[in-house]
Amino acid sequence: MTTGIFVYNKFLNSDLLDRINNDYIDYPGYVMIENIDTDNNISINDEEELNQTMLKGKIVIFNMSLNEILEKINQIKECFSKNKTIILKIKSYDSNKKEYSVYILYSNK
């Protein structure tokens, strides 16, 4: 089973990705969001047309289930957030505008 996630901020560091599993493929990519603040908390609107801000990052494909990925992330102390973490399935695009259906893990206030 393969699972795609969209990463940004701290997870752009390949060392953190390797701690999840070093067998992955990644592509530069982006998602459309509603807003991002100075603490990297983001908001994504259910109505796609209201998401007008491009958030650049990476599309990462792991040969693992989402639950396995989340278990590994929970073991990485650099990933702990004082805010609630939200998991959402979202459309992401690579530099050629190819669409991927991936999960994004993000915090909002």
N, C-alpha and C. Protein backbone atom coordinates (compact mmCIF):
# COMPACT_ATOMS: atom_id res chain seq x y z
N MET A 1 0.84 -1.18 0.00
CA MET A 1 0.00 0.00 0.00
C MET A 1 0.88 1.25 0.00
N THR A 2 0.57 2.17 -0.89
CA THR A 2 1.30 3.44 -0.89
C THR A 2 0.37 4.54 -0.39
N THR A 3 0.96 5.50 0.29
CA THR A 3 0.22 6.63 0.83
C THR A 3 0.99 7.90 0.53
N GLY A 4 0.29 8.89 0.01
CA GLY A 4 0.91 10.17 -0.28
C GLY A 4 0.57 11.18 0.79
N ILE A 5 1.57 11.96 1.18
CA ILE A 5 1.34 13.07 2.10
C ILE A 5 1.98 14.32 1.51
N PHE A 6 1.42 15.46 1.85
CA PHE A 6 2.01 16.73 1.47
C PHE A 6 2.71 17.28 2.69
N VAL A 7 3.99 17.63 2.53
CA VAL A 7 4.76 18.16 3.65
C VAL A 7 5.23 19.58 3.34
N TYR A 8 5.40 20.34 4.39
CA TYR A 8 5.89 21.71 4.31
C TYR A 8 6.60 22.01 5.62
N ASN A 9 7.20 23.17 5.72
CA ASN A 9 7.84 23.63 6.94
C ASN A 9 8.94 22.65 7.39
N LYS A 10 8.85 22.09 8.59
CA LYS A 10 9.91 21.23 9.14
C LYS A 10 10.18 19.99 8.30
N PHE A 11 9.14 19.43 7.72
CA PHE A 11 9.29 18.17 6.98
C PHE A 11 9.95 18.34 5.62
N LEU A 12 10.31 19.56 5.25
CA LEU A 12 11.10 19.71 4.03
C LEU A 12 12.50 19.16 4.25
N ASN A 13 12.88 18.98 5.51
CA ASN A 13 14.16 18.39 5.89
C ASN A 13 14.09 16.87 5.66
N SER A 14 14.90 16.37 4.74
CA SER A 14 14.84 14.94 4.40
C SER A 14 15.24 14.05 5.57
N ASP A 15 15.98 14.56 6.55
CA ASP A 15 16.33 13.75 7.72
C ASP A 15 15.07 13.33 8.49
N LEU A 16 14.09 14.25 8.59
CA LEU A 16 12.85 13.90 9.28
C LEU A 16 12.05 12.89 8.47
N LEU A 17 12.02 13.05 7.16
CA LEU A 17 11.33 12.07 6.32
C LEU A 17 11.98 10.70 6.44
N ASP A 18 13.31 10.66 6.48
CA ASP A 18 14.03 9.39 6.61
C ASP A 18 13.69 8.69 7.93
N ARG A 19 13.35 9.46 8.95
CA ARG A 19 13.00 8.86 10.24
C ARG A 19 11.63 8.20 10.20
N ILE A 20 10.81 8.57 9.24
CA ILE A 20 9.54 7.88 9.03
C ILE A 20 9.83 6.58 8.29
N ASN A 21 10.51 6.70 7.17
CA ASN A 21 10.91 5.55 6.36
C ASN A 21 11.79 6.10 5.24
N ASN A 22 12.95 5.54 5.05
CA ASN A 22 13.84 6.10 4.02
C ASN A 22 13.53 5.58 2.62
N ASP A 23 12.47 4.81 2.49
CA ASP A 23 12.05 4.32 1.18
C ASP A 23 10.82 5.12 0.73
N TYR A 24 11.08 6.28 0.12
CA TYR A 24 10.00 7.13 -0.35
C TYR A 24 10.42 7.84 -1.64
N ILE A 25 9.43 8.37 -2.32
CA ILE A 25 9.66 9.20 -3.50
C ILE A 25 9.07 10.56 -3.18
N ASP A 26 9.78 11.62 -3.53
CA ASP A 26 9.22 12.95 -3.29
C ASP A 26 9.35 13.83 -4.52
N TYR A 27 8.41 14.75 -4.63
CA TYR A 27 8.34 15.69 -5.74
C TYR A 27 8.07 17.08 -5.18
N PRO A 28 8.68 18.11 -5.76
CA PRO A 28 8.26 19.46 -5.37
C PRO A 28 6.79 19.62 -5.73
N GLY A 29 6.03 20.27 -4.86
CA GLY A 29 4.61 20.43 -5.13
C GLY A 29 4.00 21.56 -4.35
N TYR A 30 2.70 21.68 -4.49
CA TYR A 30 1.98 22.72 -3.76
C TYR A 30 0.54 22.30 -3.53
N VAL A 31 -0.08 22.94 -2.56
CA VAL A 31 -1.52 22.82 -2.30
C VAL A 31 -2.08 24.24 -2.21
N MET A 32 -3.36 24.34 -2.42
CA MET A 32 -4.03 25.63 -2.28
C MET A 32 -4.72 25.66 -0.92
N ILE A 33 -4.44 26.72 -0.15
CA ILE A 33 -5.01 26.88 1.18
C ILE A 33 -5.68 28.24 1.27
N GLU A 34 -6.41 28.44 2.36
CA GLU A 34 -7.06 29.73 2.56
C GLU A 34 -6.10 30.74 3.16
N ASN A 35 -5.29 30.30 4.15
CA ASN A 35 -4.42 31.24 4.85
C ASN A 35 -3.32 30.49 5.60
N ILE A 36 -2.21 31.17 5.85
CA ILE A 36 -1.14 30.68 6.73
C ILE A 36 -0.68 31.85 7.57
N ASP A 37 -0.47 31.62 8.88
CA ASP A 37 -0.02 32.71 9.74
C ASP A 37 1.47 32.59 10.03
N THR A 38 1.99 33.49 10.83
CA THR A 38 3.44 33.53 11.10
C THR A 38 3.92 32.33 11.91
N ASP A 39 3.01 31.60 12.57
CA ASP A 39 3.38 30.40 13.31
C ASP A 39 3.19 29.13 12.47
N ASN A 40 2.97 29.31 11.15
CA ASN A 40 2.74 28.21 10.22
C ASN A 40 1.46 27.44 10.48
N ASN A 41 0.50 28.04 11.18
CA ASN A 41 -0.84 27.47 11.30
C ASN A 41 -1.57 27.80 10.01
N ILE A 42 -2.23 26.81 9.44
CA ILE A 42 -2.91 27.06 8.17
C ILE A 42 -4.40 26.81 8.31
N SER A 43 -5.15 27.40 7.40
CA SER A 43 -6.58 27.12 7.33
C SER A 43 -6.89 26.72 5.89
N ILE A 44 -7.74 25.71 5.77
CA ILE A 44 -8.17 25.20 4.47
C ILE A 44 -9.70 25.22 4.48
N ASN A 45 -10.27 25.88 3.51
CA ASN A 45 -11.72 25.99 3.43
C ASN A 45 -12.29 24.78 2.70
N ASP A 46 -13.44 24.31 3.15
CA ASP A 46 -14.12 23.19 2.48
C ASP A 46 -14.53 23.56 1.05
N GLU A 47 -14.76 24.83 0.81
CA GLU A 47 -15.10 25.31 -0.53
C GLU A 47 -13.79 25.64 -1.25
N GLU A 48 -13.38 24.75 -2.16
CA GLU A 48 -12.07 24.85 -2.81
C GLU A 48 -11.77 26.21 -3.42
N GLU A 49 -12.80 26.86 -4.00
CA GLU A 49 -12.57 28.14 -4.67
C GLU A 49 -12.15 29.25 -3.70
N LEU A 50 -12.34 29.05 -2.40
CA LEU A 50 -11.92 30.05 -1.41
C LEU A 50 -10.46 29.86 -0.99
N ASN A 51 -9.84 28.77 -1.40
CA ASN A 51 -8.43 28.52 -1.10
C ASN A 51 -7.59 29.15 -2.21
N GLN A 52 -7.13 30.38 -1.97
CA GLN A 52 -6.44 31.15 -3.00
C GLN A 52 -4.94 31.32 -2.75
N THR A 53 -4.43 30.79 -1.65
CA THR A 53 -3.02 30.94 -1.30
C THR A 53 -2.28 29.64 -1.62
N MET A 54 -1.18 29.76 -2.37
CA MET A 54 -0.38 28.58 -2.72
C MET A 54 0.63 28.30 -1.61
N LEU A 55 0.61 27.09 -1.09
CA LEU A 55 1.59 26.65 -0.09
C LEU A 55 2.51 25.65 -0.78
N LYS A 56 3.79 26.02 -0.89
CA LYS A 56 4.77 25.15 -1.55
C LYS A 56 5.37 24.18 -0.55
N GLY A 57 5.67 22.99 -1.04
CA GLY A 57 6.27 21.97 -0.20
C GLY A 57 6.68 20.78 -1.04
N LYS A 58 6.44 19.58 -0.50
CA LYS A 58 6.78 18.34 -1.20
C LYS A 58 5.61 17.38 -1.15
N ILE A 59 5.44 16.65 -2.23
CA ILE A 59 4.55 15.50 -2.27
C ILE A 59 5.43 14.29 -1.99
N VAL A 60 5.11 13.54 -0.93
CA VAL A 60 5.94 12.40 -0.54
C VAL A 60 5.08 11.15 -0.58
N ILE A 61 5.56 10.15 -1.31
CA ILE A 61 4.85 8.87 -1.45
C ILE A 61 5.64 7.81 -0.67
N PHE A 62 5.00 7.28 0.38
CA PHE A 62 5.59 6.22 1.19
C PHE A 62 4.94 4.89 0.84
N ASN A 63 5.68 3.81 0.98
CA ASN A 63 5.15 2.47 0.81
C ASN A 63 4.68 1.98 2.19
N MET A 64 3.73 2.72 2.76
CA MET A 64 3.22 2.46 4.11
C MET A 64 1.77 2.93 4.15
N SER A 65 1.04 2.45 5.14
CA SER A 65 -0.32 2.94 5.36
C SER A 65 -0.27 4.28 6.09
N LEU A 66 -1.37 5.00 6.06
CA LEU A 66 -1.44 6.27 6.79
C LEU A 66 -1.22 6.04 8.28
N ASN A 67 -1.80 4.99 8.84
CA ASN A 67 -1.61 4.70 10.26
C ASN A 67 -0.14 4.46 10.60
N GLU A 68 0.58 3.74 9.75
CA GLU A 68 2.01 3.50 9.99
C GLU A 68 2.79 4.81 9.95
N ILE A 69 2.45 5.68 9.00
CA ILE A 69 3.12 6.98 8.90
C ILE A 69 2.86 7.80 10.16
N LEU A 70 1.61 7.82 10.61
CA LEU A 70 1.26 8.60 11.80
C LEU A 70 1.96 8.07 13.05
N GLU A 71 2.08 6.75 13.16
CA GLU A 71 2.80 6.17 14.30
C GLU A 71 4.25 6.64 14.32
N LYS A 72 4.90 6.67 13.16
CA LYS A 72 6.29 7.12 13.08
C LYS A 72 6.40 8.61 13.41
N ILE A 73 5.48 9.41 12.86
CA ILE A 73 5.51 10.85 13.13
C ILE A 73 5.34 11.12 14.62
N ASN A 74 4.48 10.36 15.29
CA ASN A 74 4.26 10.55 16.73
C ASN A 74 5.50 10.25 17.56
N GLN A 75 6.47 9.56 17.00
CA GLN A 75 7.72 9.26 17.71
C GLN A 75 8.79 10.33 17.51
N ILE A 76 8.52 11.30 16.66
CA ILE A 76 9.51 12.33 16.34
C ILE A 76 9.18 13.58 17.14
N LYS A 77 10.00 13.89 18.15
CA LYS A 77 9.66 14.99 19.06
C LYS A 77 9.62 16.34 18.36
N GLU A 78 10.38 16.52 17.27
CA GLU A 78 10.37 17.78 16.55
C GLU A 78 9.02 18.05 15.90
N CYS A 79 8.18 17.04 15.84
CA CYS A 79 6.87 17.17 15.19
C CYS A 79 5.75 17.50 16.16
N PHE A 80 6.05 17.49 17.45
CA PHE A 80 4.99 17.76 18.41
C PHE A 80 4.54 19.20 18.28
N SER A 81 3.25 19.39 18.35
CA SER A 81 2.66 20.72 18.25
C SER A 81 1.80 20.98 19.47
N LYS A 82 1.83 22.21 19.94
CA LYS A 82 0.96 22.56 21.08
C LYS A 82 -0.49 22.74 20.61
N ASN A 83 -0.68 22.89 19.31
CA ASN A 83 -2.01 23.05 18.75
C ASN A 83 -2.54 21.72 18.24
N LYS A 84 -3.83 21.67 18.05
CA LYS A 84 -4.48 20.47 17.51
C LYS A 84 -3.97 20.22 16.08
N THR A 85 -3.66 18.96 15.77
CA THR A 85 -3.24 18.58 14.42
C THR A 85 -4.44 18.01 13.67
N ILE A 86 -4.62 18.47 12.47
CA ILE A 86 -5.72 18.05 11.62
C ILE A 86 -5.15 17.24 10.46
N ILE A 87 -5.83 16.16 10.10
CA ILE A 87 -5.45 15.34 8.95
C ILE A 87 -6.57 15.47 7.93
N LEU A 88 -6.19 15.84 6.72
CA LEU A 88 -7.18 16.09 5.69
C LEU A 88 -6.69 15.54 4.36
N LYS A 89 -7.56 14.93 3.61
CA LYS A 89 -7.23 14.51 2.24
C LYS A 89 -7.42 15.73 1.35
N ILE A 90 -6.43 16.00 0.50
CA ILE A 90 -6.42 17.24 -0.28
C ILE A 90 -5.80 16.98 -1.64
N LYS A 91 -6.10 17.84 -2.58
CA LYS A 91 -5.45 17.78 -3.90
C LYS A 91 -4.13 18.53 -3.81
N SER A 92 -3.10 17.92 -4.37
CA SER A 92 -1.79 18.54 -4.45
C SER A 92 -1.32 18.44 -5.89
N TYR A 93 -0.44 19.34 -6.28
CA TYR A 93 0.01 19.40 -7.67
C TYR A 93 1.52 19.47 -7.71
N ASP A 94 2.12 18.76 -8.69
CA ASP A 94 3.57 18.87 -8.88
C ASP A 94 3.85 20.01 -9.85
N SER A 95 5.12 20.20 -10.19
CA SER A 95 5.52 21.33 -11.04
C SER A 95 4.95 21.25 -12.44
N ASN A 96 4.51 20.05 -12.86
CA ASN A 96 3.86 19.89 -14.17
C ASN A 96 2.35 19.97 -14.07
N LYS A 97 1.85 20.37 -12.90
CA LYS A 97 0.42 20.48 -12.61
C LYS A 97 -0.31 19.14 -12.61
N LYS A 98 0.45 18.04 -12.44
CA LYS A 98 -0.18 16.74 -12.27
C LYS A 98 -0.81 16.70 -10.89
N GLU A 99 -2.05 16.22 -10.82
CA GLU A 99 -2.79 16.21 -9.55
C GLU A 99 -2.54 14.91 -8.78
N TYR A 100 -2.34 15.04 -7.47
CA TYR A 100 -2.19 13.93 -6.55
C TYR A 100 -3.22 14.08 -5.44
N SER A 101 -3.79 12.99 -5.00
CA SER A 101 -4.68 13.00 -3.85
C SER A 101 -3.84 12.54 -2.66
N VAL A 102 -3.57 13.46 -1.73
CA VAL A 102 -2.65 13.18 -0.62
C VAL A 102 -3.28 13.64 0.69
N TYR A 103 -2.63 13.27 1.78
CA TYR A 103 -3.02 13.75 3.10
C TYR A 103 -2.11 14.90 3.48
N ILE A 104 -2.68 15.87 4.18
CA ILE A 104 -1.89 16.94 4.76
C ILE A 104 -2.16 16.93 6.25
N LEU A 105 -1.10 17.06 7.04
CA LEU A 105 -1.21 17.16 8.48
C LEU A 105 -0.85 18.60 8.82
N TYR A 106 -1.74 19.29 9.49
CA TYR A 106 -1.48 20.69 9.77
C TYR A 106 -2.10 21.10 11.09
N SER A 107 -1.62 22.21 11.61
CA SER A 107 -2.15 22.78 12.83
C SER A 107 -2.90 24.05 12.51
N ASN A 108 -3.94 24.30 13.25
CA ASN A 108 -4.57 25.60 13.20
C ASN A 108 -4.94 25.98 14.61
N LYS A 109 -5.21 27.23 14.82
CA LYS A 109 -5.46 27.72 16.18
C LYS A 109 -6.80 27.26 16.70
